[in-house]
Amino acid sequence: MINEKMDRMAVETFLKEQTKLFDEPVAETYEEAEEFLTDMLAVIVDNISETREYLDEAGMDVSDLKDEDMSEVSEVFPLEDGRYLILMA
């Protein structure tokens, strides 16, 4: 299920890995990262199948990607607990 609320793990992961999606950092502090993710309507999903479903519904063709390759998509940030942060920039 999609979780609209940004939690600490998601914000910290984005803060550390934001250059995966952007050429240069868009946030320097936790608060800036949290605000950025909220403004960009980032979502947290519970598992890889929900990640695939979300990206597909957003119009991204992920049909050829294996599940293990989904975390390589620049808009997808795997979280330590198995969930995924998705940011459609």
Protein backbone atom coordinates (compact mmCIF):
# COMPACT_ATOMS: atom_id res chain seq x y z
CA MET A 1 0.00 0.00 0.00
CA ILE A 2 1.27 3.45 -0.84
CA ASN A 3 2.27 5.49 2.19
CA GLU A 4 1.97 9.23 1.64
CA LYS A 5 3.81 10.20 4.84
CA MET A 6 7.56 10.56 4.63
CA ASP A 7 9.31 8.78 7.46
CA ARG A 8 12.80 9.25 8.81
CA MET A 9 14.30 6.28 6.93
CA ALA A 10 12.96 7.52 3.58
CA VAL A 11 14.15 11.09 4.11
CA GLU A 12 17.61 10.01 5.26
CA THR A 13 17.96 7.59 2.34
CA PHE A 14 16.99 10.29 -0.13
CA LEU A 15 19.35 12.78 1.48
CA LYS A 16 22.27 10.34 1.09
CA GLU A 17 21.38 9.09 -2.40
CA GLN A 18 19.71 12.06 -4.11
CA THR A 19 22.40 12.33 -6.77
CA LYS A 20 21.14 9.02 -8.16
CA LEU A 21 18.29 11.06 -9.65
CA PHE A 22 19.66 14.61 -9.75
CA ASP A 23 22.96 15.92 -11.13
CA GLU A 24 23.54 17.91 -7.97
CA PRO A 25 22.00 17.81 -4.49
CA VAL A 26 18.57 19.41 -4.13
CA ALA A 27 18.64 19.30 -0.32
CA GLU A 28 21.42 19.72 2.20
CA THR A 29 19.58 19.12 5.47
CA TYR A 30 17.04 16.63 6.71
CA GLU A 31 14.37 19.35 6.81
CA GLU A 32 15.08 20.44 3.24
CA ALA A 33 14.93 16.83 2.04
CA GLU A 34 11.66 16.20 3.86
CA GLU A 35 10.11 19.36 2.39
CA PHE A 36 11.38 18.51 -1.10
CA LEU A 37 9.94 14.99 -0.98
CA THR A 38 6.62 16.31 0.27
CA ASP A 39 6.49 19.00 -2.42
CA MET A 40 7.34 16.45 -5.12
CA LEU A 41 4.62 14.08 -3.87
CA ALA A 42 7.09 11.26 -3.35
CA VAL A 43 5.55 8.00 -2.18
CA ILE A 44 6.64 5.00 -0.18
CA VAL A 45 5.47 1.57 -1.26
CA ASP A 46 5.72 -1.65 0.69
CA ASN A 47 7.39 -3.97 -1.82
CA ILE A 48 8.80 -4.43 -5.31
CA SER A 49 5.48 -5.43 -6.88
CA GLU A 50 3.89 -2.20 -5.65
CA THR A 51 6.90 -0.35 -7.03
CA ARG A 52 6.34 -1.93 -10.45
CA GLU A 53 2.61 -1.17 -10.29
CA TYR A 54 3.18 2.46 -9.30
CA LEU A 55 5.73 3.09 -12.06
CA ASP A 56 3.50 1.40 -14.63
CA GLU A 57 0.51 3.54 -13.60
CA ALA A 58 2.75 6.62 -13.83
CA GLY A 59 3.43 5.75 -17.48
CA MET A 60 6.92 4.30 -17.16
CA ASP A 61 7.52 1.12 -19.16
CA VAL A 62 9.04 -1.31 -16.69
CA SER A 63 7.69 -4.49 -18.26
CA ASP A 64 11.14 -5.61 -19.41
CA LEU A 65 12.79 -5.06 -16.00
CA LYS A 66 13.34 -7.95 -13.62
CA ASP A 67 12.39 -7.32 -10.01
CA GLU A 68 16.03 -7.24 -8.94
CA ASP A 69 16.70 -4.47 -11.49
CA MET A 70 13.87 -2.21 -10.30
CA SER A 71 16.07 -0.63 -7.63
CA GLU A 72 18.39 0.57 -10.42
CA VAL A 73 15.68 2.85 -11.81
CA SER A 74 16.79 6.38 -10.94
CA GLU A 75 13.40 7.31 -9.46
CA VAL A 76 13.42 4.34 -7.06
CA PHE A 77 15.25 4.43 -3.74
CA PRO A 78 15.31 1.10 -1.86
CA LEU A 79 14.91 1.48 1.90
CA GLU A 80 16.68 -0.71 4.45
CA ASP A 81 13.43 -2.30 5.62
CA GLY A 82 12.41 -3.58 2.18
CA ARG A 83 10.13 -0.71 1.23
CA TYR A 84 10.80 1.67 -1.65
CA LEU A 85 10.73 5.45 -1.94
CA ILE A 86 9.59 6.60 -5.39
CA LEU A 87 10.12 10.11 -6.65
CA MET A 88 8.80 11.01 -10.07
CA ALA A 89 10.85 14.13 -10.87
